[in-house]
Amino acid sequence: MGNATVVDVLLAIILPPLGVFLRFGCHVEFWICLLLTFLGYIPGIIYAIYVLVG
């Protein structure tokens, strides 16, 4: 599962931008995840898990 912990993945499922923010801070990954979450909850989850695991 890469370097992501179980807590990171759970946060990515519950509130995707929070999980990305805790890992990367307020960088590009966070803003992309926030935009995808506003456009649709599922794309935000997919992107957050992709970024955290990858």
N, C-alpha and C. Protein backbone atom coordinates (compact mmCIF):
# COMPACT_ATOMS: atom_id res chain seq x y z
N MET A 1 0.82 -1.19 0.00
CA MET A 1 0.00 0.00 0.00
C MET A 1 0.86 1.25 0.00
N GLY A 2 2.08 1.13 -0.41
CA GLY A 2 2.95 2.30 -0.50
C GLY A 2 3.30 2.85 0.86
N ASN A 3 3.37 4.15 0.97
CA ASN A 3 3.72 4.76 2.25
C ASN A 3 2.53 5.42 2.91
N ALA A 4 1.33 5.13 2.44
CA ALA A 4 0.12 5.67 3.05
C ALA A 4 -0.31 4.78 4.21
N THR A 5 -0.74 5.40 5.28
CA THR A 5 -1.22 4.62 6.41
C THR A 5 -2.72 4.40 6.26
N VAL A 6 -3.25 3.56 7.11
CA VAL A 6 -4.68 3.29 7.10
C VAL A 6 -5.46 4.56 7.43
N VAL A 7 -4.94 5.36 8.33
CA VAL A 7 -5.62 6.61 8.70
C VAL A 7 -5.66 7.56 7.51
N ASP A 8 -4.57 7.63 6.73
CA ASP A 8 -4.57 8.49 5.54
C ASP A 8 -5.64 8.07 4.55
N VAL A 9 -5.76 6.78 4.32
CA VAL A 9 -6.75 6.30 3.37
C VAL A 9 -8.16 6.53 3.90
N LEU A 10 -8.40 6.33 5.18
CA LEU A 10 -9.73 6.58 5.75
C LEU A 10 -10.10 8.06 5.64
N LEU A 11 -9.15 8.95 5.91
CA LEU A 11 -9.41 10.38 5.75
C LEU A 11 -9.68 10.72 4.29
N ALA A 12 -8.99 10.05 3.38
CA ALA A 12 -9.21 10.29 1.95
C ALA A 12 -10.60 9.85 1.53
N ILE A 13 -11.15 8.85 2.19
CA ILE A 13 -12.50 8.40 1.84
C ILE A 13 -13.55 9.30 2.49
N ILE A 14 -13.34 9.68 3.74
CA ILE A 14 -14.33 10.48 4.46
C ILE A 14 -14.33 11.92 3.96
N LEU A 15 -13.16 12.54 3.90
CA LEU A 15 -13.05 13.94 3.47
C LEU A 15 -11.74 14.06 2.67
N PRO A 16 -11.81 13.85 1.37
CA PRO A 16 -10.60 13.76 0.55
C PRO A 16 -9.63 14.94 0.67
N PRO A 17 -10.08 16.20 0.63
CA PRO A 17 -9.10 17.28 0.72
C PRO A 17 -8.34 17.31 2.05
N LEU A 18 -8.97 16.88 3.12
CA LEU A 18 -8.29 16.86 4.42
C LEU A 18 -7.15 15.86 4.43
N GLY A 19 -7.39 14.69 3.87
CA GLY A 19 -6.32 13.69 3.81
C GLY A 19 -5.13 14.17 3.00
N VAL A 20 -5.39 14.82 1.88
CA VAL A 20 -4.32 15.34 1.04
C VAL A 20 -3.63 16.52 1.73
N PHE A 21 -4.40 17.37 2.39
CA PHE A 21 -3.82 18.52 3.07
C PHE A 21 -2.88 18.10 4.19
N LEU A 22 -3.25 17.09 4.95
CA LEU A 22 -2.39 16.64 6.04
C LEU A 22 -1.08 16.05 5.55
N ARG A 23 -1.08 15.52 4.34
CA ARG A 23 0.15 14.95 3.80
C ARG A 23 1.01 15.98 3.07
N PHE A 24 0.38 16.83 2.23
CA PHE A 24 1.13 17.72 1.35
C PHE A 24 1.03 19.19 1.73
N GLY A 25 0.14 19.55 2.63
CA GLY A 25 -0.05 20.96 2.94
C GLY A 25 -0.89 21.63 1.87
N CYS A 26 -0.72 22.91 1.73
CA CYS A 26 -1.56 23.70 0.82
C CYS A 26 -0.87 23.86 -0.54
N HIS A 27 -0.49 22.75 -1.14
CA HIS A 27 0.18 22.77 -2.43
C HIS A 27 -0.79 22.38 -3.54
N VAL A 28 -0.29 22.16 -4.71
CA VAL A 28 -1.11 21.90 -5.90
C VAL A 28 -2.00 20.67 -5.70
N GLU A 29 -1.48 19.63 -5.06
CA GLU A 29 -2.26 18.41 -4.86
C GLU A 29 -3.54 18.69 -4.09
N PHE A 30 -3.44 19.54 -3.08
CA PHE A 30 -4.61 19.88 -2.27
C PHE A 30 -5.66 20.60 -3.11
N TRP A 31 -5.24 21.58 -3.91
CA TRP A 31 -6.19 22.37 -4.69
C TRP A 31 -6.85 21.52 -5.78
N ILE A 32 -6.11 20.61 -6.38
CA ILE A 32 -6.71 19.71 -7.37
C ILE A 32 -7.74 18.82 -6.70
N CYS A 33 -7.41 18.29 -5.53
CA CYS A 33 -8.34 17.43 -4.81
C CYS A 33 -9.59 18.20 -4.38
N LEU A 34 -9.41 19.43 -3.94
CA LEU A 34 -10.54 20.25 -3.53
C LEU A 34 -11.47 20.52 -4.72
N LEU A 35 -10.90 20.85 -5.85
CA LEU A 35 -11.70 21.10 -7.05
C LEU A 35 -12.45 19.85 -7.49
N LEU A 36 -11.76 18.72 -7.50
CA LEU A 36 -12.42 17.47 -7.89
C LEU A 36 -13.52 17.08 -6.91
N THR A 37 -13.32 17.35 -5.64
CA THR A 37 -14.34 17.04 -4.64
C THR A 37 -15.57 17.92 -4.83
N PHE A 38 -15.37 19.19 -5.17
CA PHE A 38 -16.51 20.06 -5.43
C PHE A 38 -17.25 19.64 -6.69
N LEU A 39 -16.53 19.18 -7.70
CA LEU A 39 -17.17 18.75 -8.94
C LEU A 39 -17.89 17.42 -8.79
N GLY A 40 -17.40 16.61 -7.89
CA GLY A 40 -18.03 15.31 -7.64
C GLY A 40 -17.27 14.62 -6.54
N TYR A 41 -17.97 14.06 -5.60
CA TYR A 41 -17.33 13.47 -4.43
C TYR A 41 -16.43 12.29 -4.80
N ILE A 42 -16.90 11.45 -5.71
CA ILE A 42 -16.15 10.24 -6.09
C ILE A 42 -14.83 10.58 -6.78
N PRO A 43 -14.79 11.53 -7.74
CA PRO A 43 -13.47 11.88 -8.31
C PRO A 43 -12.49 12.42 -7.27
N GLY A 44 -12.98 13.13 -6.28
CA GLY A 44 -12.11 13.61 -5.21
C GLY A 44 -11.52 12.47 -4.41
N ILE A 45 -12.32 11.46 -4.12
CA ILE A 45 -11.85 10.29 -3.38
C ILE A 45 -10.80 9.53 -4.20
N ILE A 46 -11.10 9.32 -5.47
CA ILE A 46 -10.17 8.58 -6.34
C ILE A 46 -8.84 9.31 -6.42
N TYR A 47 -8.89 10.62 -6.62
CA TYR A 47 -7.64 11.38 -6.73
C TYR A 47 -6.87 11.38 -5.41
N ALA A 48 -7.57 11.53 -4.30
CA ALA A 48 -6.90 11.56 -3.00
C ALA A 48 -6.20 10.23 -2.71
N ILE A 49 -6.86 9.13 -2.99
CA ILE A 49 -6.23 7.82 -2.76
C ILE A 49 -5.06 7.62 -3.71
N TYR A 50 -5.23 8.05 -4.95
CA TYR A 50 -4.15 7.95 -5.94
C TYR A 50 -2.91 8.73 -5.48
N VAL A 51 -3.12 9.93 -4.99
CA VAL A 51 -2.00 10.78 -4.57
C VAL A 51 -1.36 10.22 -3.30
N LEU A 52 -2.16 9.76 -2.36
CA LEU A 52 -1.61 9.30 -1.10
C LEU A 52 -0.87 7.97 -1.24
N VAL A 53 -1.39 7.09 -2.05
CA VAL A 53 -0.77 5.77 -2.20
C VAL A 53 0.41 5.82 -3.16
N GLY A 54 0.28 6.65 -4.20
CA GLY A 54 1.31 6.70 -5.25
C GLY A 54 2.53 7.42 -4.89
